[in-house]
Amino acid sequence: MFQQIIALFVILYFIIKLFLEKKQNKINVNEFAFWLIFWISAGFAIIFLKHIDRIVAGLGFSSTGIDLLLYIGIIVLFSLIFKLRLKIEKQEKNITKIIREIALKK
């Protein structure tokens, strides 16, 4: 229970920080919505962890709900890293193309 309270305070900290960044226009509306939904979902997952444990056990998995949430979190992180990698590669190609055009003009 103590760990859940600490986790909820950490999530509350990130939500407050998210609102401050939005207020200072450091993030756009889409990023704000994505991270707000993410942190609220994480909070609900922590609050209803016992229910998640029962659901996971009912589905026949041998692990606990927190293990399942950890696995899902890792999958989400790897997919986000993959998307970031694709965006970086696209930007690198665009920069290379622009530099070539500038070099050919000179």
N, C-alpha and C. Protein backbone atom coordinates (compact mmCIF):
# COMPACT_ATOMS: atom_id res chain seq x y z
N MET A 1 0.82 -1.20 0.00
CA MET A 1 0.00 0.00 0.00
C MET A 1 0.87 1.26 0.00
N PHE A 2 1.95 1.23 0.79
CA PHE A 2 2.84 2.38 0.86
C PHE A 2 3.47 2.67 -0.50
N GLN A 3 3.83 1.61 -1.22
CA GLN A 3 4.42 1.78 -2.55
C GLN A 3 3.42 2.39 -3.52
N GLN A 4 2.15 2.02 -3.39
CA GLN A 4 1.13 2.60 -4.26
C GLN A 4 0.97 4.09 -4.00
N ILE A 5 1.02 4.48 -2.75
CA ILE A 5 0.89 5.90 -2.41
C ILE A 5 2.07 6.69 -2.97
N ILE A 6 3.26 6.15 -2.84
CA ILE A 6 4.44 6.82 -3.40
C ILE A 6 4.30 6.93 -4.91
N ALA A 7 3.87 5.86 -5.56
CA ALA A 7 3.70 5.88 -7.02
C ALA A 7 2.66 6.91 -7.43
N LEU A 8 1.58 7.03 -6.67
CA LEU A 8 0.55 8.02 -7.00
C LEU A 8 1.07 9.44 -6.83
N PHE A 9 1.93 9.67 -5.83
CA PHE A 9 2.53 10.99 -5.68
C PHE A 9 3.48 11.30 -6.83
N VAL A 10 4.20 10.31 -7.29
CA VAL A 10 5.09 10.51 -8.44
C VAL A 10 4.26 10.85 -9.68
N ILE A 11 3.17 10.15 -9.88
CA ILE A 11 2.29 10.42 -11.02
C ILE A 11 1.69 11.82 -10.90
N LEU A 12 1.28 12.19 -9.71
CA LEU A 12 0.73 13.53 -9.49
C LEU A 12 1.78 14.59 -9.82
N TYR A 13 3.03 14.35 -9.43
CA TYR A 13 4.12 15.27 -9.76
C TYR A 13 4.24 15.45 -11.27
N PHE A 14 4.21 14.33 -12.02
CA PHE A 14 4.34 14.41 -13.47
C PHE A 14 3.14 15.09 -14.11
N ILE A 15 1.96 14.89 -13.56
CA ILE A 15 0.77 15.57 -14.10
C ILE A 15 0.87 17.07 -13.87
N ILE A 16 1.30 17.48 -12.70
CA ILE A 16 1.48 18.91 -12.41
C ILE A 16 2.54 19.50 -13.34
N LYS A 17 3.65 18.78 -13.51
CA LYS A 17 4.71 19.24 -14.41
C LYS A 17 4.18 19.35 -15.84
N LEU A 18 3.34 18.42 -16.24
CA LEU A 18 2.74 18.44 -17.57
C LEU A 18 1.88 19.68 -17.76
N PHE A 19 1.07 20.02 -16.77
CA PHE A 19 0.24 21.23 -16.87
C PHE A 19 1.10 22.48 -16.93
N LEU A 20 2.19 22.51 -16.17
CA LEU A 20 3.08 23.67 -16.21
C LEU A 20 3.74 23.82 -17.58
N GLU A 21 4.16 22.71 -18.16
CA GLU A 21 4.76 22.77 -19.49
C GLU A 21 3.75 23.22 -20.54
N LYS A 22 2.51 22.79 -20.39
CA LYS A 22 1.46 23.23 -21.32
C LYS A 22 1.19 24.72 -21.16
N LYS A 23 1.18 25.17 -19.93
CA LYS A 23 0.93 26.59 -19.66
C LYS A 23 2.03 27.47 -20.26
N GLN A 24 3.27 26.96 -20.27
CA GLN A 24 4.40 27.70 -20.83
C GLN A 24 4.57 27.44 -22.32
N ASN A 25 3.63 26.74 -22.93
CA ASN A 25 3.64 26.42 -24.36
C ASN A 25 4.90 25.65 -24.79
N LYS A 26 5.41 24.79 -23.92
CA LYS A 26 6.56 23.96 -24.26
C LYS A 26 6.14 22.69 -25.00
N ILE A 27 4.86 22.32 -24.87
CA ILE A 27 4.35 21.14 -25.57
C ILE A 27 3.05 21.53 -26.27
N ASN A 28 2.73 20.79 -27.33
CA ASN A 28 1.50 21.11 -28.04
C ASN A 28 0.32 20.31 -27.46
N VAL A 29 -0.85 20.53 -28.00
CA VAL A 29 -2.07 19.93 -27.47
C VAL A 29 -2.04 18.41 -27.59
N ASN A 30 -1.53 17.90 -28.71
CA ASN A 30 -1.49 16.44 -28.90
C ASN A 30 -0.58 15.77 -27.89
N GLU A 31 0.60 16.34 -27.67
CA GLU A 31 1.51 15.79 -26.67
C GLU A 31 0.90 15.86 -25.28
N PHE A 32 0.28 16.99 -24.99
CA PHE A 32 -0.36 17.16 -23.69
C PHE A 32 -1.44 16.10 -23.46
N ALA A 33 -2.29 15.90 -24.46
CA ALA A 33 -3.37 14.92 -24.34
C ALA A 33 -2.80 13.50 -24.19
N PHE A 34 -1.80 13.17 -25.00
CA PHE A 34 -1.19 11.84 -24.92
C PHE A 34 -0.64 11.56 -23.53
N TRP A 35 0.18 12.50 -23.00
CA TRP A 35 0.81 12.27 -21.70
C TRP A 35 -0.19 12.35 -20.55
N LEU A 36 -1.20 13.19 -20.69
CA LEU A 36 -2.22 13.24 -19.64
C LEU A 36 -2.98 11.91 -19.56
N ILE A 37 -3.36 11.39 -20.72
CA ILE A 37 -4.05 10.09 -20.75
C ILE A 37 -3.12 9.00 -20.21
N PHE A 38 -1.85 9.06 -20.58
CA PHE A 38 -0.88 8.07 -20.10
C PHE A 38 -0.77 8.09 -18.59
N TRP A 39 -0.59 9.26 -17.99
CA TRP A 39 -0.40 9.34 -16.54
C TRP A 39 -1.68 9.02 -15.78
N ILE A 40 -2.82 9.43 -16.31
CA ILE A 40 -4.09 9.08 -15.66
C ILE A 40 -4.32 7.58 -15.72
N SER A 41 -3.99 6.97 -16.86
CA SER A 41 -4.11 5.51 -16.98
C SER A 41 -3.18 4.80 -16.01
N ALA A 42 -1.98 5.32 -15.87
CA ALA A 42 -1.05 4.72 -14.91
C ALA A 42 -1.58 4.84 -13.49
N GLY A 43 -2.19 5.97 -13.16
CA GLY A 43 -2.78 6.14 -11.84
C GLY A 43 -3.91 5.16 -11.58
N PHE A 44 -4.78 4.99 -12.58
CA PHE A 44 -5.86 4.02 -12.43
C PHE A 44 -5.33 2.60 -12.30
N ALA A 45 -4.27 2.30 -13.06
CA ALA A 45 -3.69 0.96 -12.98
C ALA A 45 -3.15 0.70 -11.57
N ILE A 46 -2.56 1.70 -10.96
CA ILE A 46 -2.04 1.53 -9.60
C ILE A 46 -3.17 1.43 -8.59
N ILE A 47 -4.19 2.25 -8.76
CA ILE A 47 -5.32 2.22 -7.82
C ILE A 47 -6.05 0.88 -7.88
N PHE A 48 -6.23 0.36 -9.09
CA PHE A 48 -6.99 -0.87 -9.27
C PHE A 48 -6.09 -2.09 -9.48
N LEU A 49 -4.91 -2.07 -8.87
CA LEU A 49 -3.95 -3.15 -9.06
C LEU A 49 -4.49 -4.50 -8.59
N LYS A 50 -5.23 -4.52 -7.50
CA LYS A 50 -5.82 -5.79 -7.00
C LYS A 50 -6.81 -6.36 -8.01
N HIS A 51 -7.59 -5.49 -8.62
CA HIS A 51 -8.54 -5.95 -9.64
C HIS A 51 -7.80 -6.50 -10.86
N ILE A 52 -6.72 -5.82 -11.23
CA ILE A 52 -5.92 -6.29 -12.36
C ILE A 52 -5.32 -7.65 -12.05
N ASP A 53 -4.88 -7.84 -10.80
CA ASP A 53 -4.36 -9.16 -10.38
C ASP A 53 -5.41 -10.24 -10.59
N ARG A 54 -6.64 -9.96 -10.20
CA ARG A 54 -7.71 -10.95 -10.35
C ARG A 54 -8.02 -11.23 -11.82
N ILE A 55 -8.01 -10.18 -12.63
CA ILE A 55 -8.27 -10.36 -14.06
C ILE A 55 -7.17 -11.20 -14.69
N VAL A 56 -5.93 -10.89 -14.35
CA VAL A 56 -4.79 -11.64 -14.91
C VAL A 56 -4.87 -13.10 -14.48
N ALA A 57 -5.19 -13.35 -13.21
CA ALA A 57 -5.32 -14.73 -12.72
C ALA A 57 -6.50 -15.43 -13.41
N GLY A 58 -7.58 -14.71 -13.64
CA GLY A 58 -8.73 -15.29 -14.32
C GLY A 58 -8.45 -15.65 -15.76
N LEU A 59 -7.52 -14.94 -16.38
CA LEU A 59 -7.14 -15.24 -17.76
C LEU A 59 -6.16 -16.40 -17.85
N GLY A 60 -5.69 -16.86 -16.69
CA GLY A 60 -4.81 -18.03 -16.68
C GLY A 60 -3.33 -17.71 -16.66
N PHE A 61 -2.97 -16.45 -16.51
CA PHE A 61 -1.55 -16.10 -16.43
C PHE A 61 -1.03 -16.40 -15.03
N SER A 62 0.23 -16.77 -14.95
CA SER A 62 0.81 -17.10 -13.66
C SER A 62 1.41 -15.89 -12.96
N SER A 63 1.57 -14.80 -13.68
CA SER A 63 2.18 -13.61 -13.08
C SER A 63 1.12 -12.73 -12.43
N THR A 64 1.60 -11.71 -11.74
CA THR A 64 0.69 -10.77 -11.09
C THR A 64 0.35 -9.63 -12.04
N GLY A 65 -0.57 -8.80 -11.63
CA GLY A 65 -0.98 -7.67 -12.45
C GLY A 65 0.13 -6.67 -12.68
N ILE A 66 0.97 -6.48 -11.67
CA ILE A 66 2.06 -5.52 -11.83
C ILE A 66 3.06 -6.03 -12.86
N ASP A 67 3.26 -7.35 -12.92
CA ASP A 67 4.14 -7.91 -13.95
C ASP A 67 3.57 -7.65 -15.33
N LEU A 68 2.28 -7.86 -15.48
CA LEU A 68 1.63 -7.62 -16.77
C LEU A 68 1.75 -6.15 -17.16
N LEU A 69 1.53 -5.25 -16.21
CA LEU A 69 1.66 -3.82 -16.49
C LEU A 69 3.09 -3.47 -16.88
N LEU A 70 4.05 -4.10 -16.24
CA LEU A 70 5.45 -3.87 -16.57
C LEU A 70 5.74 -4.34 -18.00
N TYR A 71 5.24 -5.52 -18.36
CA TYR A 71 5.45 -6.02 -19.72
C TYR A 71 4.80 -5.09 -20.75
N ILE A 72 3.61 -4.64 -20.47
CA ILE A 72 2.92 -3.72 -21.38
C ILE A 72 3.71 -2.41 -21.49
N GLY A 73 4.21 -1.92 -20.35
CA GLY A 73 5.00 -0.69 -20.35
C GLY A 73 6.26 -0.82 -21.20
N ILE A 74 6.93 -1.96 -21.09
CA ILE A 74 8.14 -2.18 -21.88
C ILE A 74 7.81 -2.23 -23.37
N ILE A 75 6.71 -2.89 -23.72
CA ILE A 75 6.30 -2.95 -25.12
C ILE A 75 6.00 -1.55 -25.65
N VAL A 76 5.30 -0.74 -24.86
CA VAL A 76 4.98 0.63 -25.28
C VAL A 76 6.25 1.45 -25.45
N LEU A 77 7.19 1.30 -24.51
CA LEU A 77 8.45 2.05 -24.61
C LEU A 77 9.23 1.67 -25.87
N PHE A 78 9.32 0.38 -26.15
CA PHE A 78 10.03 -0.03 -27.35
C PHE A 78 9.33 0.47 -28.62
N SER A 79 8.02 0.48 -28.63
CA SER A 79 7.33 0.99 -29.82
C SER A 79 7.55 2.50 -29.97
N LEU A 80 7.58 3.24 -28.86
CA LEU A 80 7.86 4.67 -28.94
C LEU A 80 9.29 4.93 -29.40
N ILE A 81 10.23 4.12 -28.91
CA ILE A 81 11.62 4.27 -29.35
C ILE A 81 11.73 3.99 -30.85
N PHE A 82 11.02 2.98 -31.32
CA PHE A 82 11.04 2.66 -32.74
C PHE A 82 10.49 3.81 -33.57
N LYS A 83 9.37 4.40 -33.12
CA LYS A 83 8.80 5.54 -33.84
C LYS A 83 9.76 6.73 -33.84
N LEU A 84 10.41 6.98 -32.71
CA LEU A 84 11.37 8.07 -32.64
C LEU A 84 12.54 7.83 -33.59
N ARG A 85 12.99 6.60 -33.65
CA ARG A 85 14.09 6.24 -34.55
C ARG A 85 13.70 6.51 -36.00
N LEU A 86 12.48 6.16 -36.37
CA LEU A 86 12.02 6.42 -37.74
C LEU A 86 11.96 7.92 -38.03
N LYS A 87 11.48 8.70 -37.07
CA LYS A 87 11.41 10.15 -37.27
C LYS A 87 12.80 10.76 -37.39
N ILE A 88 13.74 10.29 -36.57
CA ILE A 88 15.10 10.82 -36.63
C ILE A 88 15.73 10.49 -37.97
N GLU A 89 15.54 9.28 -38.43
CA GLU A 89 16.09 8.89 -39.72
C GLU A 89 15.50 9.75 -40.85
N LYS A 90 14.21 10.01 -40.80
CA LYS A 90 13.56 10.85 -41.81
C LYS A 90 14.14 12.26 -41.78
N GLN A 91 14.34 12.81 -40.58
CA GLN A 91 14.92 14.14 -40.47
C GLN A 91 16.35 14.18 -40.99
N GLU A 92 17.11 13.13 -40.70
CA GLU A 92 18.48 13.08 -41.20
C GLU A 92 18.51 13.07 -42.73
N LYS A 93 17.61 12.32 -43.35
CA LYS A 93 17.53 12.29 -44.80
C LYS A 93 17.14 13.65 -45.36
N ASN A 94 16.19 14.33 -44.70
CA ASN A 94 15.77 15.66 -45.15
C ASN A 94 16.91 16.66 -45.02
N ILE A 95 17.65 16.60 -43.93
CA ILE A 95 18.78 17.51 -43.73
C ILE A 95 19.85 17.27 -44.79
N THR A 96 20.13 16.00 -45.06
CA THR A 96 21.12 15.66 -46.09
C THR A 96 20.68 16.19 -47.45
N LYS A 97 19.41 16.04 -47.76
CA LYS A 97 18.88 16.53 -49.05
C LYS A 97 19.01 18.04 -49.15
N ILE A 98 18.66 18.75 -48.09
CA ILE A 98 18.75 20.22 -48.09
C ILE A 98 20.20 20.66 -48.23
N ILE A 99 21.11 20.02 -47.51
CA ILE A 99 22.53 20.40 -47.58
C ILE A 99 23.08 20.15 -48.98
N ARG A 100 22.69 19.05 -49.61
CA ARG A 100 23.13 18.78 -50.98
C ARG A 100 22.64 19.87 -51.94
N GLU A 101 21.37 20.26 -51.78
CA GLU A 101 20.83 21.31 -52.65
C GLU A 101 21.56 22.62 -52.45
N ILE A 102 21.88 22.96 -51.22
CA ILE A 102 22.61 24.20 -50.93
C ILE A 102 24.01 24.13 -51.52
N ALA A 103 24.66 22.97 -51.35
CA ALA A 103 26.03 22.80 -51.87
C ALA A 103 26.06 22.90 -53.40
N LEU A 104 25.06 22.35 -54.07
CA LEU A 104 25.02 22.39 -55.53
C LEU A 104 24.76 23.80 -56.05
N LYS A 105 24.04 24.62 -55.27
CA LYS A 105 23.78 25.99 -55.68
C LYS A 105 25.03 26.86 -55.58
N LYS A 106 25.90 26.51 -54.66
CA LYS A 106 27.14 27.30 -54.49
C LYS A 106 28.16 26.74 -55.40
